[in-house]
């Protein structure tokens, strides 16, 4: 499964919405369900499903600004 598909599935599950995502889809501040608690839940799911560790100092509004930004972030985490 691609990072794009996995991330979209995680977002739909955590946010409990039926939405299509592409790199230009805005997240934080644009989707009402995407609040600080959702950020934590998304991070937890990404860590569990991808075996990555997201440190507190890596969490920023910029990372969660758009689907594309978040996808790039997780790709970089897995490549490290």
PDB file of N, CA and C in Angstrom:
ATOM      1  N   UNK A   1       0.854  -1.184   0.000  1.00  0.00           N
ATOM      2  CA  UNK A   1       0.000   0.000   0.000  1.00  0.00           C
ATOM      3  C   UNK A   1       0.898   1.246   0.000  1.00  0.00           C
ATOM      4  N   UNK A   2       0.562   2.206  -0.801  1.00  0.00           N
ATOM      5  CA  UNK A   2       1.351   3.425  -0.894  1.00  0.00           C
ATOM      6  C   UNK A   2       1.163   4.289   0.350  1.00  0.00           C
ATOM      7  N   UNK A   3       2.136   5.174   0.569  1.00  0.00           N
ATOM      8  CA  UNK A   3       2.008   6.113   1.689  1.00  0.00           C
ATOM      9  C   UNK A   3       0.754   6.962   1.533  1.00  0.00           C
ATOM     10  N   UNK A   4       0.462   7.342   0.299  1.00  0.00           N
ATOM     11  CA  UNK A   4      -0.698   8.193   0.044  1.00  0.00           C
ATOM     12  C   UNK A   4      -1.988   7.478   0.447  1.00  0.00           C
ATOM     13  N   UNK A   5      -2.120   6.222   0.049  1.00  0.00           N
ATOM     14  CA  UNK A   5      -3.334   5.464   0.373  1.00  0.00           C
ATOM     15  C   UNK A   5      -3.443   5.197   1.869  1.00  0.00           C
ATOM     16  N   UNK A   6      -2.329   4.797   2.486  1.00  0.00           N
ATOM     17  CA  UNK A   6      -2.332   4.518   3.925  1.00  0.00           C
ATOM     18  C   UNK A   6      -2.678   5.770   4.718  1.00  0.00           C
ATOM     19  N   UNK A   7      -2.057   6.883   4.367  1.00  0.00           N
ATOM     20  CA  UNK A   7      -2.338   8.137   5.064  1.00  0.00           C
ATOM     21  C   UNK A   7      -3.789   8.556   4.897  1.00  0.00           C
ATOM     22  N   UNK A   8      -4.317   8.438   3.695  1.00  0.00           N
ATOM     23  CA  UNK A   8      -5.725   8.785   3.455  1.00  0.00           C
ATOM     24  C   UNK A   8      -6.641   7.895   4.293  1.00  0.00           C
ATOM     25  N   UNK A   9      -6.337   6.605   4.351  1.00  0.00           N
ATOM     26  CA  UNK A   9      -7.147   5.680   5.149  1.00  0.00           C
ATOM     27  C   UNK A   9      -7.094   6.037   6.632  1.00  0.00           C
ATOM     28  N   UNK A  10      -5.907   6.376   7.131  1.00  0.00           N
ATOM     29  CA  UNK A  10      -5.761   6.760   8.536  1.00  0.00           C
ATOM     30  C   UNK A  10      -6.558   8.032   8.827  1.00  0.00           C
ATOM     31  N   UNK A  11      -6.446   9.020   7.946  1.00  0.00           N
ATOM     32  CA  UNK A  11      -7.188  10.270   8.161  1.00  0.00           C
ATOM     33  C   UNK A  11      -8.692  10.037   8.145  1.00  0.00           C
ATOM     34  N   UNK A  12      -9.172   9.253   7.202  1.00  0.00           N
ATOM     35  CA  UNK A  12     -10.615   8.969   7.156  1.00  0.00           C
ATOM     36  C   UNK A  12     -11.075   8.257   8.422  1.00  0.00           C
ATOM     37  N   UNK A  13     -10.276   7.324   8.903  1.00  0.00           N
ATOM     38  CA  UNK A  13     -10.630   6.568  10.102  1.00  0.00           C
ATOM     39  C   UNK A  13     -10.603   7.448  11.346  1.00  0.00           C
ATOM     40  N   UNK A  14      -9.509   8.170  11.547  1.00  0.00           N
ATOM     41  CA  UNK A  14      -9.362   9.003  12.744  1.00  0.00           C
ATOM     42  C   UNK A  14     -10.390  10.131  12.756  1.00  0.00           C
ATOM     43  N   UNK A  15     -10.575  10.791  11.617  1.00  0.00           N
ATOM     44  CA  UNK A  15     -11.494  11.926  11.547  1.00  0.00           C
ATOM     45  C   UNK A  15     -12.945  11.511  11.362  1.00  0.00           C
ATOM     46  N   UNK A  16     -13.150  10.245  11.058  1.00  0.00           N
ATOM     47  CA  UNK A  16     -14.487   9.690  10.810  1.00  0.00           C
ATOM     48  C   UNK A  16     -15.226  10.498   9.749  1.00  0.00           C
ATOM     49  N   UNK A  17     -14.518  10.698   8.622  1.00  0.00           N
ATOM     50  CA  UNK A  17     -15.102  11.400   7.484  1.00  0.00           C
ATOM     51  C   UNK A  17     -14.876  10.592   6.225  1.00  0.00           C
ATOM     52  N   UNK A  18     -15.710  10.813   5.227  1.00  0.00           N
ATOM     53  CA  UNK A  18     -15.559  10.173   3.932  1.00  0.00           C
ATOM     54  C   UNK A  18     -15.105  11.248   2.956  1.00  0.00           C
ATOM     55  N   UNK A  19     -13.802  11.368   2.785  1.00  0.00           N
ATOM     56  CA  UNK A  19     -13.234  12.444   1.981  1.00  0.00           C
ATOM     57  C   UNK A  19     -12.099  11.894   1.147  1.00  0.00           C
ATOM     58  N   UNK A  20     -11.970  12.420  -0.048  1.00  0.00           N
ATOM     59  CA  UNK A  20     -10.831  12.087  -0.898  1.00  0.00           C
ATOM     60  C   UNK A  20      -9.712  13.082  -0.601  1.00  0.00           C
ATOM     61  N   UNK A  21      -8.489  12.609  -0.576  1.00  0.00           N
ATOM     62  CA  UNK A  21      -7.350  13.459  -0.272  1.00  0.00           C
ATOM     63  C   UNK A  21      -6.365  13.468  -1.430  1.00  0.00           C
ATOM     64  N   UNK A  22      -5.796  14.637  -1.706  1.00  0.00           N
ATOM     65  CA  UNK A  22      -4.673  14.746  -2.621  1.00  0.00           C
ATOM     66  C   UNK A  22      -3.666  15.690  -1.986  1.00  0.00           C
ATOM     67  N   UNK A  23      -2.520  15.862  -2.605  1.00  0.00           N
ATOM     68  CA  UNK A  23      -1.460  16.657  -1.986  1.00  0.00           C
ATOM     69  C   UNK A  23      -1.876  18.086  -1.664  1.00  0.00           C
ATOM     70  N   UNK A  24      -2.845  18.623  -2.374  1.00  0.00           N
ATOM     71  CA  UNK A  24      -3.284  20.002  -2.149  1.00  0.00           C
ATOM     72  C   UNK A  24      -4.375  20.135  -1.089  1.00  0.00           C
ATOM     73  N   UNK A  25      -4.883  19.014  -0.583  1.00  0.00           N
ATOM     74  CA  UNK A  25      -5.946  19.065   0.420  1.00  0.00           C
ATOM     75  C   UNK A  25      -5.412  19.672   1.714  1.00  0.00           C
ATOM     76  N   UNK A  26      -6.020  20.774   2.126  1.00  0.00           N
ATOM     77  CA  UNK A  26      -5.631  21.416   3.384  1.00  0.00           C
ATOM     78  C   UNK A  26      -6.209  20.638   4.557  1.00  0.00           C
ATOM     79  N   UNK A  27      -5.451  20.548   5.633  1.00  0.00           N
ATOM     80  CA  UNK A  27      -5.874  19.769   6.798  1.00  0.00           C
ATOM     81  C   UNK A  27      -6.137  20.672   8.000  1.00  0.00           C
ATOM     82  N   UNK A  28      -5.082  21.006   8.727  1.00  0.00           N
ATOM     83  CA  UNK A  28      -5.213  21.763   9.968  1.00  0.00           C
ATOM     84  C   UNK A  28      -5.801  23.139   9.695  1.00  0.00           C
ATOM     85  N   UNK A  29      -6.936  23.415  10.311  1.00  0.00           N
ATOM     86  CA  UNK A  29      -7.620  24.683  10.107  1.00  0.00           C
ATOM     87  C   UNK A  29      -8.628  24.660   8.977  1.00  0.00           C
ATOM     88  N   UNK A  30      -8.577  23.644   8.133  1.00  0.00           N
ATOM     89  CA  UNK A  30      -9.495  23.565   6.996  1.00  0.00           C
ATOM     90  C   UNK A  30     -10.562  22.483   7.168  1.00  0.00           C
ATOM     91  N   UNK A  31     -10.250  21.461   7.947  1.00  0.00           N
ATOM     92  CA  UNK A  31     -11.201  20.382   8.220  1.00  0.00           C
ATOM     93  C   UNK A  31     -11.574  20.483   9.695  1.00  0.00           C
ATOM     94  N   UNK A  32     -12.842  20.719   9.961  1.00  0.00           N
ATOM     95  CA  UNK A  32     -13.302  20.964  11.340  1.00  0.00           C
ATOM     96  C   UNK A  32     -12.901  19.843  12.293  1.00  0.00           C
ATOM     97  N   UNK A  33     -12.935  18.612  11.813  1.00  0.00           N
ATOM     98  CA  UNK A  33     -12.623  17.462  12.663  1.00  0.00           C
ATOM     99  C   UNK A  33     -11.126  17.353  12.983  1.00  0.00           C
ATOM    100  N   UNK A  34     -10.300  18.062  12.240  1.00  0.00           N
ATOM    101  CA  UNK A  34      -8.843  17.953  12.402  1.00  0.00           C
ATOM    102  C   UNK A  34      -8.369  18.950  13.457  1.00  0.00           C
ATOM    103  N   UNK A  35      -8.501  18.544  14.716  1.00  0.00           N
ATOM    104  CA  UNK A  35      -8.096  19.387  15.840  1.00  0.00           C
ATOM    105  C   UNK A  35      -6.864  18.788  16.514  1.00  0.00           C
ATOM    106  N   UNK A  36      -6.472  19.346  17.634  1.00  0.00           N
ATOM    107  CA  UNK A  36      -5.246  18.883  18.302  1.00  0.00           C
ATOM    108  C   UNK A  36      -5.341  17.423  18.737  1.00  0.00           C
ATOM    109  N   UNK A  37      -6.506  16.983  19.133  1.00  0.00           N
ATOM    110  CA  UNK A  37      -6.676  15.576  19.514  1.00  0.00           C
ATOM    111  C   UNK A  37      -6.541  14.670  18.294  1.00  0.00           C
ATOM    112  N   UNK A  38      -7.036  15.123  17.160  1.00  0.00           N
ATOM    113  CA  UNK A  38      -6.910  14.348  15.925  1.00  0.00           C
ATOM    114  C   UNK A  38      -5.450  14.253  15.500  1.00  0.00           C
ATOM    115  N   UNK A  39      -4.687  15.323  15.700  1.00  0.00           N
ATOM    116  CA  UNK A  39      -3.256  15.300  15.366  1.00  0.00           C
ATOM    117  C   UNK A  39      -2.566  14.190  16.149  1.00  0.00           C
ATOM    118  N   UNK A  40      -2.846  14.109  17.436  1.00  0.00           N
ATOM    119  CA  UNK A  40      -2.246  13.069  18.286  1.00  0.00           C
ATOM    120  C   UNK A  40      -2.670  11.682  17.819  1.00  0.00           C
ATOM    121  N   UNK A  41      -3.946  11.517  17.496  1.00  0.00           N
ATOM    122  CA  UNK A  41      -4.443  10.223  17.042  1.00  0.00           C
ATOM    123  C   UNK A  41      -3.804   9.821  15.710  1.00  0.00           C
ATOM    124  N   UNK A  42      -3.638  10.770  14.802  1.00  0.00           N
ATOM    125  CA  UNK A  42      -3.002  10.490  13.514  1.00  0.00           C
ATOM    126  C   UNK A  42      -1.550  10.084  13.729  1.00  0.00           C
ATOM    127  N   UNK A  43      -0.841  10.815  14.577  1.00  0.00           N
ATOM    128  CA  UNK A  43       0.556  10.485  14.860  1.00  0.00           C
ATOM    129  C   UNK A  43       0.662   9.079  15.439  1.00  0.00           C
ATOM    130  N   UNK A  44      -0.207   8.750  16.375  1.00  0.00           N
ATOM    131  CA  UNK A  44      -0.197   7.424  16.994  1.00  0.00           C
ATOM    132  C   UNK A  44      -0.414   6.338  15.950  1.00  0.00           C
ATOM    133  N   UNK A  45      -1.381   6.539  15.072  1.00  0.00           N
ATOM    134  CA  UNK A  45      -1.649   5.547  14.017  1.00  0.00           C
ATOM    135  C   UNK A  45      -0.469   5.415  13.062  1.00  0.00           C
ATOM    136  N   UNK A  46       0.134   6.533  12.692  1.00  0.00           N
ATOM    137  CA  UNK A  46       1.299   6.490  11.799  1.00  0.00           C
ATOM    138  C   UNK A  46       2.451   5.740  12.456  1.00  0.00           C
ATOM    139  N   UNK A  47       2.689   6.009  13.719  1.00  0.00           N
ATOM    140  CA  UNK A  47       3.758   5.314  14.436  1.00  0.00           C
ATOM    141  C   UNK A  47       3.480   3.821  14.503  1.00  0.00           C
ATOM    142  N   UNK A  48       2.246   3.454  14.813  1.00  0.00           N
ATOM    143  CA  UNK A  48       1.878   2.040  14.932  1.00  0.00           C
ATOM    144  C   UNK A  48       1.964   1.314  13.592  1.00  0.00           C
ATOM    145  N   UNK A  49       1.435   1.923  12.550  1.00  0.00           N
ATOM    146  CA  UNK A  49       1.339   1.234  11.264  1.00  0.00           C
ATOM    147  C   UNK A  49       2.623   1.283  10.437  1.00  0.00           C
ATOM    148  N   UNK A  50       3.443   2.323  10.649  1.00  0.00           N
ATOM    149  CA  UNK A  50       4.655   2.457   9.844  1.00  0.00           C
ATOM    150  C   UNK A  50       5.932   2.169  10.626  1.00  0.00           C
ATOM    151  N   UNK A  51       5.805   2.001  11.936  1.00  0.00           N
ATOM    152  CA  UNK A  51       6.977   1.717  12.745  1.00  0.00           C
ATOM    153  C   UNK A  51       7.934   2.891  12.845  1.00  0.00           C
ATOM    154  N   UNK A  52       7.391   4.099  12.777  1.00  0.00           N
ATOM    155  CA  UNK A  52       8.216   5.300  12.904  1.00  0.00           C
ATOM    156  C   UNK A  52       8.011   5.908  14.285  1.00  0.00           C
ATOM    157  N   UNK A  53       8.900   6.816  14.665  1.00  0.00           N
ATOM    158  CA  UNK A  53       8.765   7.553  15.915  1.00  0.00           C
ATOM    159  C   UNK A  53       8.766   9.033  15.565  1.00  0.00           C
ATOM    160  N   UNK A  54       7.721   9.729  15.992  1.00  0.00           N
ATOM    161  CA  UNK A  54       7.619  11.167  15.765  1.00  0.00           C
ATOM    162  C   UNK A  54       7.922  11.857  17.087  1.00  0.00           C
ATOM    163  N   UNK A  55       9.002  12.615  17.115  1.00  0.00           N
ATOM    164  CA  UNK A  55       9.395  13.335  18.325  1.00  0.00           C
ATOM    165  C   UNK A  55       8.573  14.617  18.459  1.00  0.00           C
ATOM    166  N   UNK A  56       8.387  15.041  19.695  1.00  0.00           N
ATOM    167  CA  UNK A  56       7.586  16.236  19.965  1.00  0.00           C
ATOM    168  C   UNK A  56       8.069  17.455  19.191  1.00  0.00           C
ATOM    169  N   UNK A  57       9.386  17.601  19.052  1.00  0.00           N
ATOM    170  CA  UNK A  57       9.919  18.778  18.368  1.00  0.00           C
ATOM    171  C   UNK A  57       9.736  18.734  16.852  1.00  0.00           C
ATOM    172  N   UNK A  58       9.247  17.607  16.332  1.00  0.00           N
ATOM    173  CA  UNK A  58       8.977  17.489  14.891  1.00  0.00           C
ATOM    174  C   UNK A  58       7.536  17.858  14.538  1.00  0.00           C
ATOM    175  N   UNK A  59       6.712  18.005  15.547  1.00  0.00           N
ATOM    176  CA  UNK A  59       5.293  18.293  15.326  1.00  0.00           C
ATOM    177  C   UNK A  59       5.119  19.805  15.181  1.00  0.00           C
ATOM    178  N   UNK A  60       4.631  20.205  14.023  1.00  0.00           N
ATOM    179  CA  UNK A  60       4.398  21.629  13.780  1.00  0.00           C
ATOM    180  C   UNK A  60       3.171  21.795  12.897  1.00  0.00           C
ATOM    181  N   UNK A  61       2.632  22.990  12.913  1.00  0.00           N
ATOM    182  CA  UNK A  61       1.477  23.286  12.059  1.00  0.00           C
ATOM    183  C   UNK A  61       1.844  23.112  10.591  1.00  0.00           C
ATOM    184  N   UNK A  62       3.094  23.394  10.238  1.00  0.00           N
ATOM    185  CA  UNK A  62       3.535  23.264   8.846  1.00  0.00           C
ATOM    186  C   UNK A  62       3.420  21.821   8.357  1.00  0.00           C
ATOM    187  N   UNK A  63       3.790  20.861   9.203  1.00  0.00           N
ATOM    188  CA  UNK A  63       3.717  19.448   8.831  1.00  0.00           C
ATOM    189  C   UNK A  63       2.272  19.047   8.546  1.00  0.00           C
ATOM    190  N   UNK A  64       1.338  19.591   9.313  1.00  0.00           N
ATOM    191  CA  UNK A  64      -0.066  19.222   9.197  1.00  0.00           C
ATOM    192  C   UNK A  64      -0.883  20.220   8.372  1.00  0.00           C
ATOM    193  N   UNK A  65      -0.201  21.094   7.646  1.00  0.00           N
ATOM    194  CA  UNK A  65      -0.886  22.102   6.836  1.00  0.00           C
ATOM    195  C   UNK A  65      -1.683  21.480   5.698  1.00  0.00           C
ATOM    196  N   UNK A  66      -1.076  20.506   5.031  1.00  0.00           N
ATOM    197  CA  UNK A  66      -1.753  19.875   3.903  1.00  0.00           C
ATOM    198  C   UNK A  66      -1.444  18.384   3.874  1.00  0.00           C
ATOM    199  N   UNK A  67      -2.230  17.670   3.117  1.00  0.00           N
ATOM    200  CA  UNK A  67      -2.027  16.236   2.951  1.00  0.00           C
ATOM    201  C   UNK A  67      -0.643  15.975   2.374  1.00  0.00           C
ATOM    202  N   UNK A  68      -0.251  16.771   1.387  1.00  0.00           N
ATOM    203  CA  UNK A  68       1.050  16.595   0.752  1.00  0.00           C
ATOM    204  C   UNK A  68       2.204  16.809   1.714  1.00  0.00           C
ATOM    205  N   UNK A  69       2.099  17.829   2.564  1.00  0.00           N
ATOM    206  CA  UNK A  69       3.139  18.090   3.560  1.00  0.00           C
ATOM    207  C   UNK A  69       3.263  16.914   4.526  1.00  0.00           C
ATOM    208  N   UNK A  70       2.137  16.393   4.976  1.00  0.00           N
ATOM    209  CA  UNK A  70       2.147  15.271   5.907  1.00  0.00           C
ATOM    210  C   UNK A  70       2.689  14.018   5.233  1.00  0.00           C
ATOM    211  N   UNK A  71       2.306  13.784   3.979  1.00  0.00           N
ATOM    212  CA  UNK A  71       2.814  12.622   3.235  1.00  0.00           C
ATOM    213  C   UNK A  71       4.334  12.714   3.091  1.00  0.00           C
ATOM    214  N   UNK A  72       4.846  13.874   2.728  1.00  0.00           N
ATOM    215  CA  UNK A  72       6.291  14.054   2.579  1.00  0.00           C
ATOM    216  C   UNK A  72       7.005  13.822   3.912  1.00  0.00           C
ATOM    217  N   UNK A  73       6.398  14.302   4.987  1.00  0.00           N
ATOM    218  CA  UNK A  73       6.985  14.118   6.312  1.00  0.00           C
ATOM    219  C   UNK A  73       7.133  12.638   6.644  1.00  0.00           C
ATOM    220  N   UNK A  74       6.079  11.849   6.430  1.00  0.00           N
ATOM    221  CA  UNK A  74       6.174  10.428   6.783  1.00  0.00           C
ATOM    222  C   UNK A  74       7.126   9.688   5.845  1.00  0.00           C
ATOM    223  N   UNK A  75       7.219  10.110   4.598  1.00  0.00           N
ATOM    224  CA  UNK A  75       8.176   9.494   3.686  1.00  0.00           C
ATOM    225  C   UNK A  75       9.608   9.774   4.153  1.00  0.00           C
ATOM    226  N   UNK A  76       9.863  10.989   4.615  1.00  0.00           N
ATOM    227  CA  UNK A  76      11.187  11.327   5.131  1.00  0.00           C
ATOM    228  C   UNK A  76      11.500  10.540   6.402  1.00  0.00           C
ATOM    229  N   UNK A  77      10.505  10.363   7.268  1.00  0.00           N
ATOM    230  CA  UNK A  77      10.697   9.610   8.508  1.00  0.00           C
ATOM    231  C   UNK A  77      11.044   8.161   8.190  1.00  0.00           C
ATOM    232  N   UNK A  78      10.396   7.589   7.203  1.00  0.00           N
ATOM    233  CA  UNK A  78      10.672   6.186   6.875  1.00  0.00           C
ATOM    234  C   UNK A  78      12.016   6.030   6.184  1.00  0.00           C
ATOM    235  N   UNK A  79      12.447   7.043   5.457  1.00  0.00           N
ATOM    236  CA  UNK A  79      13.728   6.957   4.762  1.00  0.00           C
ATOM    237  C   UNK A  79      14.911   7.125   5.709  1.00  0.00           C
ATOM    238  N   UNK A  80      14.655   7.727   6.866  1.00  0.00           N
ATOM    239  CA  UNK A  80      15.745   8.011   7.823  1.00  0.00           C
ATOM    240  C   UNK A  80      16.222   6.748   8.514  1.00  0.00           C
TER     241      UNK A  80
END
